[in-house]
N, C-alpha and C. Protein backbone atom coordinates (compact mmCIF):
# COMPACT_ATOMS: atom_id res chain seq x y z
N HIS A 1 -43.15 -26.26 2.57
CA HIS A 1 -41.85 -25.61 2.69
C HIS A 1 -40.94 -26.12 1.58
N PRO A 2 -40.53 -25.26 0.66
CA PRO A 2 -39.67 -25.72 -0.43
C PRO A 2 -38.27 -26.05 0.09
N ILE A 3 -37.84 -27.25 -0.21
CA ILE A 3 -36.52 -27.73 0.17
C ILE A 3 -35.95 -28.44 -1.04
N SER A 4 -34.66 -28.29 -1.28
CA SER A 4 -34.05 -28.87 -2.47
C SER A 4 -33.56 -30.29 -2.24
N PHE A 5 -33.77 -31.11 -3.25
CA PHE A 5 -33.18 -32.44 -3.27
C PHE A 5 -31.69 -32.29 -3.54
N SER A 6 -30.89 -33.13 -2.91
CA SER A 6 -29.46 -33.16 -3.22
C SER A 6 -29.03 -34.54 -3.69
N SER A 7 -29.97 -35.47 -3.77
CA SER A 7 -29.65 -36.83 -4.17
C SER A 7 -29.61 -36.99 -5.68
N SER A 8 -29.01 -38.08 -6.11
CA SER A 8 -28.95 -38.43 -7.52
C SER A 8 -30.31 -38.93 -7.98
N ALA A 9 -30.68 -38.56 -9.19
CA ALA A 9 -31.92 -39.08 -9.78
C ALA A 9 -31.80 -40.57 -10.06
N GLU A 10 -30.58 -41.09 -10.04
CA GLU A 10 -30.35 -42.51 -10.26
C GLU A 10 -30.55 -43.34 -8.99
N ALA A 11 -30.86 -42.69 -7.88
CA ALA A 11 -31.11 -43.39 -6.61
C ALA A 11 -32.44 -42.93 -6.02
N PRO A 12 -33.56 -43.16 -6.75
CA PRO A 12 -34.86 -42.66 -6.26
C PRO A 12 -35.31 -43.31 -4.96
N GLU A 13 -34.75 -44.46 -4.63
CA GLU A 13 -35.12 -45.13 -3.38
C GLU A 13 -34.50 -44.47 -2.16
N ARG A 14 -33.57 -43.56 -2.36
CA ARG A 14 -32.90 -42.87 -1.25
C ARG A 14 -32.89 -41.36 -1.49
N PRO A 15 -34.05 -40.71 -1.41
CA PRO A 15 -34.03 -39.25 -1.60
C PRO A 15 -33.26 -38.58 -0.47
N ALA A 16 -32.45 -37.60 -0.83
CA ALA A 16 -31.69 -36.85 0.15
C ALA A 16 -32.00 -35.37 -0.02
N LEU A 17 -32.14 -34.70 1.09
CA LEU A 17 -32.39 -33.27 1.13
C LEU A 17 -31.26 -32.63 1.93
N THR A 18 -30.85 -31.46 1.53
CA THR A 18 -29.85 -30.72 2.29
C THR A 18 -30.52 -29.43 2.74
N ILE A 19 -30.56 -29.24 4.05
CA ILE A 19 -31.34 -28.14 4.62
C ILE A 19 -30.45 -27.28 5.50
N LYS A 20 -30.47 -25.99 5.27
CA LYS A 20 -29.78 -25.05 6.15
C LYS A 20 -30.78 -24.61 7.22
N ALA A 21 -30.46 -24.87 8.46
CA ALA A 21 -31.35 -24.57 9.58
C ALA A 21 -31.34 -23.06 9.84
N LEU A 22 -32.19 -22.34 9.09
CA LEU A 22 -32.17 -20.90 9.17
C LEU A 22 -33.55 -20.29 9.34
N GLY A 23 -34.56 -20.87 8.72
CA GLY A 23 -35.89 -20.28 8.73
C GLY A 23 -36.77 -20.80 9.84
N ASP A 24 -38.01 -20.33 9.85
CA ASP A 24 -38.94 -20.73 10.90
C ASP A 24 -39.20 -22.24 10.90
N PHE A 25 -39.26 -22.85 9.74
CA PHE A 25 -39.45 -24.30 9.66
C PHE A 25 -38.10 -25.03 9.68
N THR A 26 -37.17 -24.58 8.86
CA THR A 26 -35.92 -25.32 8.72
C THR A 26 -35.10 -25.35 10.02
N SER A 27 -35.25 -24.36 10.87
CA SER A 27 -34.50 -24.38 12.12
C SER A 27 -35.01 -25.46 13.07
N THR A 28 -36.16 -26.04 12.79
CA THR A 28 -36.71 -27.10 13.65
C THR A 28 -36.58 -28.49 13.04
N VAL A 29 -36.06 -28.59 11.82
CA VAL A 29 -35.96 -29.88 11.14
C VAL A 29 -35.14 -30.87 11.96
N GLY A 30 -34.08 -30.42 12.58
CA GLY A 30 -33.24 -31.31 13.39
C GLY A 30 -33.96 -31.91 14.58
N ASP A 31 -35.11 -31.35 14.95
CA ASP A 31 -35.87 -31.86 16.09
C ASP A 31 -36.89 -32.93 15.69
N ILE A 32 -37.05 -33.16 14.40
CA ILE A 32 -38.02 -34.16 13.94
C ILE A 32 -37.51 -35.55 14.29
N GLU A 33 -38.38 -36.34 14.89
CA GLU A 33 -38.01 -37.69 15.30
C GLU A 33 -37.81 -38.60 14.09
N PRO A 34 -36.75 -39.42 14.10
CA PRO A 34 -36.59 -40.41 13.03
C PRO A 34 -37.84 -41.28 12.94
N GLY A 35 -38.25 -41.58 11.72
CA GLY A 35 -39.44 -42.40 11.51
C GLY A 35 -40.70 -41.59 11.32
N THR A 36 -40.62 -40.27 11.52
CA THR A 36 -41.78 -39.41 11.30
C THR A 36 -42.13 -39.43 9.82
N ILE A 37 -43.40 -39.59 9.52
CA ILE A 37 -43.84 -39.63 8.14
C ILE A 37 -43.79 -38.21 7.55
N ALA A 38 -43.20 -38.12 6.37
CA ALA A 38 -43.11 -36.83 5.67
C ALA A 38 -43.69 -37.03 4.28
N PHE A 39 -44.37 -36.03 3.79
CA PHE A 39 -44.93 -36.07 2.45
C PHE A 39 -44.09 -35.16 1.56
N LEU A 40 -43.61 -35.73 0.46
CA LEU A 40 -42.78 -34.99 -0.47
C LEU A 40 -43.57 -34.74 -1.75
N ASP A 41 -43.42 -33.56 -2.27
CA ASP A 41 -44.09 -33.18 -3.50
C ASP A 41 -43.06 -32.55 -4.41
N GLY A 42 -43.03 -32.96 -5.62
CA GLY A 42 -42.09 -32.34 -6.53
C GLY A 42 -41.34 -33.39 -7.31
N PRO A 43 -40.27 -33.05 -7.90
CA PRO A 43 -39.61 -31.76 -7.82
C PRO A 43 -40.30 -30.69 -8.66
N HIS A 44 -40.07 -29.47 -8.27
CA HIS A 44 -40.57 -28.30 -8.99
C HIS A 44 -39.36 -27.48 -9.41
N GLY A 45 -39.56 -26.54 -10.26
CA GLY A 45 -38.45 -25.67 -10.64
C GLY A 45 -37.98 -25.90 -12.05
N VAL A 46 -36.85 -25.32 -12.38
CA VAL A 46 -36.34 -25.33 -13.75
C VAL A 46 -34.99 -26.02 -13.89
N PHE A 47 -34.51 -26.64 -12.84
CA PHE A 47 -33.22 -27.31 -12.90
C PHE A 47 -33.39 -28.74 -13.38
N ILE A 48 -33.72 -28.89 -14.65
CA ILE A 48 -33.95 -30.21 -15.22
C ILE A 48 -33.07 -30.33 -16.46
N PRO A 49 -31.83 -30.82 -16.29
CA PRO A 49 -30.90 -30.85 -17.41
C PRO A 49 -31.41 -31.62 -18.63
N ARG A 50 -32.21 -32.66 -18.45
CA ARG A 50 -32.66 -33.43 -19.61
C ARG A 50 -33.58 -32.60 -20.51
N ARG A 51 -34.12 -31.53 -19.98
CA ARG A 51 -34.96 -30.64 -20.79
C ARG A 51 -34.15 -29.51 -21.42
N MET A 52 -32.85 -29.55 -21.23
CA MET A 52 -32.00 -28.49 -21.76
C MET A 52 -31.05 -29.09 -22.80
N ASP A 53 -31.09 -28.55 -24.00
CA ASP A 53 -30.20 -29.00 -25.06
C ASP A 53 -28.87 -28.27 -24.88
N ALA A 54 -27.93 -28.91 -24.22
CA ALA A 54 -26.67 -28.25 -23.92
C ALA A 54 -25.51 -29.22 -24.09
N ASP A 55 -24.42 -28.70 -24.63
CA ASP A 55 -23.20 -29.49 -24.77
C ASP A 55 -22.32 -29.38 -23.53
N ALA A 56 -22.62 -28.40 -22.67
CA ALA A 56 -21.83 -28.16 -21.45
C ALA A 56 -22.72 -27.42 -20.46
N PHE A 57 -22.31 -27.46 -19.19
CA PHE A 57 -23.06 -26.77 -18.14
C PHE A 57 -22.11 -25.88 -17.34
N PHE A 58 -22.61 -24.70 -16.99
CA PHE A 58 -21.89 -23.72 -16.19
C PHE A 58 -22.78 -23.41 -14.99
N PHE A 59 -22.36 -23.87 -13.81
CA PHE A 59 -23.16 -23.69 -12.60
C PHE A 59 -22.58 -22.54 -11.77
N ILE A 60 -23.46 -21.75 -11.18
CA ILE A 60 -23.04 -20.74 -10.21
C ILE A 60 -23.89 -20.96 -8.96
N ALA A 61 -23.21 -21.27 -7.86
CA ALA A 61 -23.89 -21.54 -6.60
C ALA A 61 -23.39 -20.58 -5.53
N GLY A 62 -24.30 -20.18 -4.67
CA GLY A 62 -23.95 -19.36 -3.52
C GLY A 62 -24.41 -20.08 -2.27
N GLY A 63 -23.48 -20.40 -1.37
CA GLY A 63 -23.84 -21.03 -0.10
C GLY A 63 -24.61 -22.32 -0.27
N ILE A 64 -25.74 -22.43 0.41
CA ILE A 64 -26.54 -23.64 0.38
C ILE A 64 -27.22 -23.83 -0.98
N GLY A 65 -27.11 -22.85 -1.86
CA GLY A 65 -27.60 -22.99 -3.23
C GLY A 65 -26.89 -24.10 -4.00
N ILE A 66 -25.86 -24.68 -3.40
CA ILE A 66 -25.17 -25.82 -4.01
C ILE A 66 -26.07 -27.07 -4.02
N THR A 67 -27.11 -27.10 -3.20
CA THR A 67 -27.91 -28.31 -3.02
C THR A 67 -28.48 -28.87 -4.31
N PRO A 68 -29.28 -28.13 -5.10
CA PRO A 68 -29.80 -28.74 -6.32
C PRO A 68 -28.70 -29.01 -7.35
N ILE A 69 -27.63 -28.23 -7.31
CA ILE A 69 -26.52 -28.47 -8.22
C ILE A 69 -25.82 -29.77 -7.86
N MET A 70 -25.71 -30.08 -6.56
CA MET A 70 -25.14 -31.36 -6.14
C MET A 70 -25.99 -32.51 -6.67
N SER A 71 -27.31 -32.34 -6.66
CA SER A 71 -28.17 -33.38 -7.20
C SER A 71 -27.83 -33.64 -8.67
N ILE A 72 -27.65 -32.58 -9.42
CA ILE A 72 -27.32 -32.71 -10.84
C ILE A 72 -25.94 -33.34 -11.01
N LEU A 73 -24.95 -32.89 -10.25
CA LEU A 73 -23.61 -33.45 -10.36
C LEU A 73 -23.59 -34.92 -9.99
N ARG A 74 -24.28 -35.29 -8.92
CA ARG A 74 -24.35 -36.70 -8.53
C ARG A 74 -25.03 -37.53 -9.62
N THR A 75 -26.09 -37.00 -10.20
CA THR A 75 -26.79 -37.70 -11.27
C THR A 75 -25.88 -37.86 -12.48
N PHE A 76 -25.20 -36.79 -12.89
CA PHE A 76 -24.29 -36.87 -14.03
C PHE A 76 -23.19 -37.90 -13.77
N ALA A 77 -22.64 -37.92 -12.56
CA ALA A 77 -21.59 -38.88 -12.22
C ALA A 77 -22.13 -40.31 -12.30
N ASP A 78 -23.31 -40.53 -11.76
CA ASP A 78 -23.90 -41.87 -11.79
C ASP A 78 -24.22 -42.33 -13.20
N ARG A 79 -24.49 -41.40 -14.09
CA ARG A 79 -24.82 -41.72 -15.49
C ARG A 79 -23.58 -41.75 -16.39
N GLY A 80 -22.44 -41.35 -15.85
CA GLY A 80 -21.23 -41.31 -16.67
C GLY A 80 -21.25 -40.21 -17.72
N ASP A 81 -21.94 -39.12 -17.43
CA ASP A 81 -22.05 -38.00 -18.37
C ASP A 81 -20.66 -37.41 -18.60
N GLU A 82 -20.34 -37.14 -19.84
CA GLU A 82 -19.01 -36.65 -20.18
C GLU A 82 -18.98 -35.21 -20.68
N ARG A 83 -20.10 -34.51 -20.56
CA ARG A 83 -20.10 -33.11 -21.00
C ARG A 83 -19.27 -32.25 -20.03
N PRO A 84 -18.60 -31.23 -20.55
CA PRO A 84 -17.81 -30.35 -19.69
C PRO A 84 -18.71 -29.59 -18.69
N LEU A 85 -18.22 -29.50 -17.47
CA LEU A 85 -18.96 -28.85 -16.39
C LEU A 85 -18.04 -27.85 -15.69
N THR A 86 -18.58 -26.67 -15.41
CA THR A 86 -17.86 -25.67 -14.62
C THR A 86 -18.75 -25.30 -13.45
N LEU A 87 -18.16 -25.26 -12.27
CA LEU A 87 -18.88 -24.86 -11.06
C LEU A 87 -18.17 -23.68 -10.42
N VAL A 88 -18.86 -22.55 -10.36
CA VAL A 88 -18.39 -21.39 -9.61
C VAL A 88 -19.19 -21.42 -8.31
N TYR A 89 -18.50 -21.58 -7.19
CA TYR A 89 -19.17 -21.81 -5.91
C TYR A 89 -18.71 -20.77 -4.88
N ALA A 90 -19.60 -19.84 -4.55
CA ALA A 90 -19.30 -18.77 -3.59
C ALA A 90 -19.64 -19.22 -2.18
N SER A 91 -18.68 -19.06 -1.27
CA SER A 91 -18.87 -19.43 0.13
C SER A 91 -18.25 -18.36 1.01
N GLU A 92 -18.67 -18.35 2.25
CA GLU A 92 -18.12 -17.40 3.21
C GLU A 92 -16.63 -17.66 3.45
N ALA A 93 -16.30 -18.92 3.75
CA ALA A 93 -14.92 -19.29 4.09
C ALA A 93 -14.68 -20.74 3.69
N TRP A 94 -13.42 -21.15 3.66
CA TRP A 94 -13.05 -22.52 3.27
C TRP A 94 -13.78 -23.56 4.10
N ASP A 95 -13.86 -23.35 5.39
CA ASP A 95 -14.52 -24.32 6.28
C ASP A 95 -16.04 -24.30 6.15
N ALA A 96 -16.59 -23.32 5.45
CA ALA A 96 -18.04 -23.21 5.30
C ALA A 96 -18.54 -23.80 3.99
N ILE A 97 -17.66 -24.42 3.21
CA ILE A 97 -18.05 -24.96 1.91
C ILE A 97 -18.79 -26.28 2.12
N THR A 98 -20.08 -26.27 1.82
CA THR A 98 -20.89 -27.48 1.92
C THR A 98 -20.48 -28.44 0.81
N PHE A 99 -20.33 -29.72 1.14
CA PHE A 99 -19.96 -30.78 0.19
C PHE A 99 -18.55 -30.62 -0.38
N ARG A 100 -17.67 -29.91 0.30
CA ARG A 100 -16.34 -29.64 -0.25
C ARG A 100 -15.59 -30.92 -0.65
N GLU A 101 -15.55 -31.91 0.23
CA GLU A 101 -14.82 -33.15 -0.08
C GLU A 101 -15.49 -33.92 -1.20
N GLU A 102 -16.81 -33.96 -1.22
CA GLU A 102 -17.50 -34.69 -2.29
C GLU A 102 -17.33 -34.00 -3.63
N ILE A 103 -17.33 -32.69 -3.63
CA ILE A 103 -17.10 -31.97 -4.88
C ILE A 103 -15.72 -32.33 -5.44
N ASP A 104 -14.72 -32.40 -4.57
CA ASP A 104 -13.38 -32.82 -5.01
C ASP A 104 -13.43 -34.23 -5.60
N GLU A 105 -14.15 -35.12 -4.94
CA GLU A 105 -14.26 -36.51 -5.41
C GLU A 105 -14.99 -36.57 -6.75
N LEU A 106 -16.04 -35.78 -6.90
CA LEU A 106 -16.78 -35.77 -8.17
C LEU A 106 -15.90 -35.29 -9.32
N GLY A 107 -14.91 -34.45 -8.99
CA GLY A 107 -13.97 -34.00 -10.01
C GLY A 107 -13.16 -35.12 -10.62
N SER A 108 -13.04 -36.25 -9.92
CA SER A 108 -12.33 -37.40 -10.48
C SER A 108 -13.26 -38.28 -11.31
N ARG A 109 -14.57 -38.06 -11.21
CA ARG A 109 -15.54 -38.87 -11.95
C ARG A 109 -16.19 -38.11 -13.11
N LEU A 110 -16.01 -36.81 -13.11
CA LEU A 110 -16.65 -35.94 -14.11
C LEU A 110 -15.63 -34.97 -14.70
N PRO A 111 -15.88 -34.47 -15.91
CA PRO A 111 -15.04 -33.39 -16.45
C PRO A 111 -15.46 -32.07 -15.81
N LEU A 112 -15.14 -31.92 -14.54
CA LEU A 112 -15.63 -30.82 -13.71
C LEU A 112 -14.49 -29.88 -13.32
N LYS A 113 -14.67 -28.62 -13.66
CA LYS A 113 -13.75 -27.56 -13.22
C LYS A 113 -14.45 -26.80 -12.11
N VAL A 114 -13.80 -26.70 -10.94
CA VAL A 114 -14.40 -26.04 -9.79
C VAL A 114 -13.63 -24.76 -9.47
N ILE A 115 -14.37 -23.67 -9.33
CA ILE A 115 -13.80 -22.39 -8.93
C ILE A 115 -14.48 -21.99 -7.62
N HIS A 116 -13.74 -22.09 -6.53
CA HIS A 116 -14.28 -21.63 -5.24
C HIS A 116 -14.02 -20.14 -5.13
N VAL A 117 -15.03 -19.42 -4.65
CA VAL A 117 -14.93 -17.98 -4.44
C VAL A 117 -15.20 -17.75 -2.95
N LEU A 118 -14.20 -17.30 -2.23
CA LEU A 118 -14.33 -17.13 -0.78
C LEU A 118 -14.39 -15.65 -0.41
N ARG A 119 -15.36 -15.34 0.43
CA ARG A 119 -15.46 -13.97 0.93
C ARG A 119 -14.40 -13.70 1.99
N LYS A 120 -14.10 -14.70 2.80
CA LYS A 120 -13.06 -14.57 3.84
C LYS A 120 -12.05 -15.70 3.66
N PRO A 121 -11.15 -15.54 2.70
CA PRO A 121 -10.21 -16.63 2.41
C PRO A 121 -9.14 -16.77 3.50
N PRO A 122 -8.59 -17.98 3.63
CA PRO A 122 -7.48 -18.16 4.57
C PRO A 122 -6.22 -17.47 4.03
N ASP A 123 -5.24 -17.31 4.88
CA ASP A 123 -4.01 -16.58 4.50
C ASP A 123 -3.33 -17.17 3.27
N HIS A 124 -3.33 -18.47 3.13
CA HIS A 124 -2.60 -19.13 2.05
C HIS A 124 -3.40 -19.20 0.74
N TRP A 125 -4.58 -18.65 0.70
CA TRP A 125 -5.50 -18.79 -0.43
C TRP A 125 -4.95 -18.10 -1.68
N THR A 126 -4.98 -18.82 -2.80
CA THR A 126 -4.53 -18.25 -4.07
C THR A 126 -5.66 -18.22 -5.10
N GLY A 127 -6.85 -18.67 -4.70
CA GLY A 127 -7.98 -18.72 -5.62
C GLY A 127 -8.77 -17.42 -5.64
N GLU A 128 -9.97 -17.51 -6.17
CA GLU A 128 -10.85 -16.34 -6.28
C GLU A 128 -11.36 -15.94 -4.90
N GLU A 129 -11.51 -14.64 -4.73
CA GLU A 129 -12.06 -14.14 -3.47
C GLU A 129 -12.97 -12.95 -3.73
N GLY A 130 -13.81 -12.70 -2.75
CA GLY A 130 -14.76 -11.59 -2.88
C GLY A 130 -16.13 -12.10 -3.26
N TYR A 131 -16.68 -11.53 -4.31
CA TYR A 131 -18.04 -11.85 -4.73
C TYR A 131 -18.05 -12.33 -6.18
N VAL A 132 -19.11 -13.02 -6.53
CA VAL A 132 -19.31 -13.43 -7.92
C VAL A 132 -19.80 -12.19 -8.67
N ASP A 133 -18.96 -11.69 -9.56
CA ASP A 133 -19.30 -10.50 -10.33
C ASP A 133 -18.91 -10.72 -11.79
N GLN A 134 -19.13 -9.72 -12.60
CA GLN A 134 -18.88 -9.86 -14.03
C GLN A 134 -17.42 -10.17 -14.35
N PRO A 135 -16.44 -9.47 -13.78
CA PRO A 135 -15.05 -9.81 -14.11
C PRO A 135 -14.69 -11.25 -13.73
N LEU A 136 -15.17 -11.72 -12.59
CA LEU A 136 -14.88 -13.10 -12.18
C LEU A 136 -15.51 -14.09 -13.16
N ILE A 137 -16.77 -13.89 -13.49
CA ILE A 137 -17.45 -14.79 -14.42
C ILE A 137 -16.75 -14.76 -15.78
N GLU A 138 -16.37 -13.58 -16.23
CA GLU A 138 -15.72 -13.44 -17.54
C GLU A 138 -14.40 -14.22 -17.58
N ARG A 139 -13.67 -14.26 -16.47
CA ARG A 139 -12.41 -15.02 -16.42
C ARG A 139 -12.63 -16.51 -16.63
N HIS A 140 -13.79 -17.01 -16.29
CA HIS A 140 -14.04 -18.46 -16.33
C HIS A 140 -15.07 -18.87 -17.37
N LEU A 141 -15.64 -17.92 -18.06
CA LEU A 141 -16.66 -18.20 -19.06
C LEU A 141 -16.06 -18.95 -20.24
N PRO A 142 -16.75 -19.99 -20.72
CA PRO A 142 -16.23 -20.70 -21.90
C PRO A 142 -16.15 -19.75 -23.10
N ASP A 143 -15.16 -19.99 -23.96
CA ASP A 143 -15.01 -19.15 -25.16
C ASP A 143 -16.25 -19.22 -26.03
N ASP A 144 -16.75 -20.43 -26.22
CA ASP A 144 -17.95 -20.62 -27.04
C ASP A 144 -19.10 -20.94 -26.09
N HIS A 145 -19.92 -19.93 -25.79
CA HIS A 145 -20.99 -20.17 -24.84
C HIS A 145 -22.35 -20.34 -25.50
N GLU A 146 -22.34 -20.63 -26.80
CA GLU A 146 -23.60 -20.80 -27.52
C GLU A 146 -24.36 -22.06 -27.10
N SER A 147 -23.66 -23.13 -26.79
CA SER A 147 -24.34 -24.39 -26.46
C SER A 147 -24.17 -24.78 -24.99
N VAL A 148 -23.97 -23.78 -24.14
CA VAL A 148 -23.79 -24.01 -22.71
C VAL A 148 -25.07 -23.61 -21.98
N ALA A 149 -25.47 -24.44 -21.02
CA ALA A 149 -26.60 -24.09 -20.14
C ALA A 149 -26.01 -23.51 -18.86
N TYR A 150 -26.60 -22.43 -18.39
CA TYR A 150 -26.14 -21.74 -17.18
C TYR A 150 -27.20 -21.93 -16.11
N LEU A 151 -26.82 -22.56 -14.99
CA LEU A 151 -27.75 -22.82 -13.90
C LEU A 151 -27.25 -22.11 -12.65
N LEU A 152 -28.09 -21.25 -12.08
CA LEU A 152 -27.73 -20.41 -10.94
C LEU A 152 -28.63 -20.73 -9.75
N CYS A 153 -28.04 -20.84 -8.57
CA CYS A 153 -28.84 -21.04 -7.37
C CYS A 153 -28.08 -20.47 -6.18
N GLY A 154 -28.80 -19.71 -5.36
CA GLY A 154 -28.20 -19.12 -4.18
C GLY A 154 -29.03 -17.95 -3.71
N PRO A 155 -28.49 -17.20 -2.78
CA PRO A 155 -29.19 -16.01 -2.31
C PRO A 155 -29.38 -15.02 -3.46
N ASP A 156 -30.42 -14.22 -3.37
CA ASP A 156 -30.72 -13.27 -4.45
C ASP A 156 -29.54 -12.39 -4.86
N PRO A 157 -28.72 -11.88 -3.94
CA PRO A 157 -27.59 -11.06 -4.40
C PRO A 157 -26.64 -11.82 -5.33
N VAL A 158 -26.44 -13.11 -5.06
CA VAL A 158 -25.56 -13.91 -5.92
C VAL A 158 -26.21 -14.17 -7.26
N THR A 159 -27.45 -14.66 -7.25
CA THR A 159 -28.10 -15.00 -8.51
C THR A 159 -28.40 -13.76 -9.35
N ASP A 160 -28.78 -12.67 -8.71
CA ASP A 160 -29.06 -11.43 -9.46
C ASP A 160 -27.79 -10.91 -10.14
N ALA A 161 -26.68 -10.87 -9.39
CA ALA A 161 -25.42 -10.38 -9.95
C ALA A 161 -24.93 -11.30 -11.06
N ALA A 162 -25.06 -12.60 -10.87
CA ALA A 162 -24.60 -13.55 -11.88
C ALA A 162 -25.45 -13.46 -13.14
N GLU A 163 -26.75 -13.37 -12.98
CA GLU A 163 -27.62 -13.26 -14.15
C GLU A 163 -27.30 -11.99 -14.94
N GLU A 164 -27.18 -10.87 -14.24
CA GLU A 164 -26.87 -9.61 -14.91
C GLU A 164 -25.53 -9.70 -15.64
N ALA A 165 -24.53 -10.30 -14.99
CA ALA A 165 -23.21 -10.42 -15.61
C ALA A 165 -23.27 -11.30 -16.85
N LEU A 166 -23.97 -12.42 -16.77
CA LEU A 166 -24.06 -13.32 -17.93
C LEU A 166 -24.74 -12.62 -19.10
N LEU A 167 -25.81 -11.89 -18.82
CA LEU A 167 -26.50 -11.17 -19.89
C LEU A 167 -25.60 -10.10 -20.51
N GLU A 168 -24.87 -9.38 -19.66
CA GLU A 168 -23.94 -8.35 -20.15
C GLU A 168 -22.82 -8.97 -21.00
N LEU A 169 -22.46 -10.21 -20.70
CA LEU A 169 -21.40 -10.90 -21.43
C LEU A 169 -21.91 -11.60 -22.69
N GLY A 170 -23.19 -11.41 -22.98
CA GLY A 170 -23.74 -11.92 -24.23
C GLY A 170 -24.38 -13.28 -24.18
N VAL A 171 -24.57 -13.82 -22.98
CA VAL A 171 -25.26 -15.11 -22.86
C VAL A 171 -26.75 -14.87 -23.07
N PRO A 172 -27.37 -15.59 -23.98
CA PRO A 172 -28.81 -15.42 -24.20
C PRO A 172 -29.63 -15.81 -22.96
N HIS A 173 -30.64 -15.02 -22.68
CA HIS A 173 -31.48 -15.26 -21.50
C HIS A 173 -32.06 -16.67 -21.50
N ALA A 174 -32.37 -17.21 -22.67
CA ALA A 174 -32.97 -18.55 -22.77
C ALA A 174 -32.04 -19.65 -22.28
N GLN A 175 -30.75 -19.38 -22.17
CA GLN A 175 -29.79 -20.38 -21.71
C GLN A 175 -29.54 -20.31 -20.21
N ILE A 176 -30.20 -19.39 -19.52
CA ILE A 176 -29.98 -19.19 -18.08
C ILE A 176 -31.19 -19.71 -17.32
N ARG A 177 -30.93 -20.55 -16.32
CA ARG A 177 -31.98 -21.05 -15.43
C ARG A 177 -31.59 -20.65 -14.00
N ILE A 178 -32.58 -20.17 -13.24
CA ILE A 178 -32.32 -19.72 -11.87
C ILE A 178 -33.29 -20.39 -10.93
N GLU A 179 -32.77 -20.97 -9.87
CA GLU A 179 -33.60 -21.47 -8.78
C GLU A 179 -33.49 -20.44 -7.65
N ARG A 180 -34.61 -19.94 -7.25
CA ARG A 180 -34.64 -18.94 -6.16
C ARG A 180 -35.06 -19.64 -4.87
N PHE A 181 -34.61 -19.12 -3.75
CA PHE A 181 -34.96 -19.72 -2.46
C PHE A 181 -36.38 -19.43 -2.05
N ASP A 182 -36.94 -18.34 -2.55
CA ASP A 182 -38.30 -17.96 -2.17
C ASP A 182 -39.31 -18.54 -3.15
N VAL A 183 -40.49 -18.86 -2.64
CA VAL A 183 -41.56 -19.28 -3.51
C VAL A 183 -42.18 -18.02 -4.10
N VAL A 184 -42.32 -17.99 -5.40
CA VAL A 184 -42.83 -16.80 -6.08
C VAL A 184 -44.30 -16.99 -6.40
């Protein structure tokens, strides 16, 4: 069962996973007894910043798709990485934002700009709302996106729309990495 790491690569002795209890396996994870032996394999996928020659990173996360991005942000913070980072994070509502407080805290340790996009914003909300689409991405896209790596993770509607928008805005396909929830 593919599950994303959310821990820092600088703390290999304490691997952390963030799991949304939604699927046939994940809905039973909370029932596993502490001390049960688990076998981990991986990591797999394309979210490996050290393999990407980038001066900045632009992350787009939808819901629990924040998990591997949190791993990267925690790792960058632990390493004192100073490259500019932008996080566009789509959530259902303010109270549904996973890692909300930690993301705020990471903003004090990293050059991190966070754009929350809420589908059901509270009355006082002045930020982005609706869906991650081309106009929203264009508002936050760096002026010079030649040396930026774009990492997308979330449900297919989010990642598909974001990928299409980035390509339409002139971002080269080679600079876009997508983690999908399904095993292909």
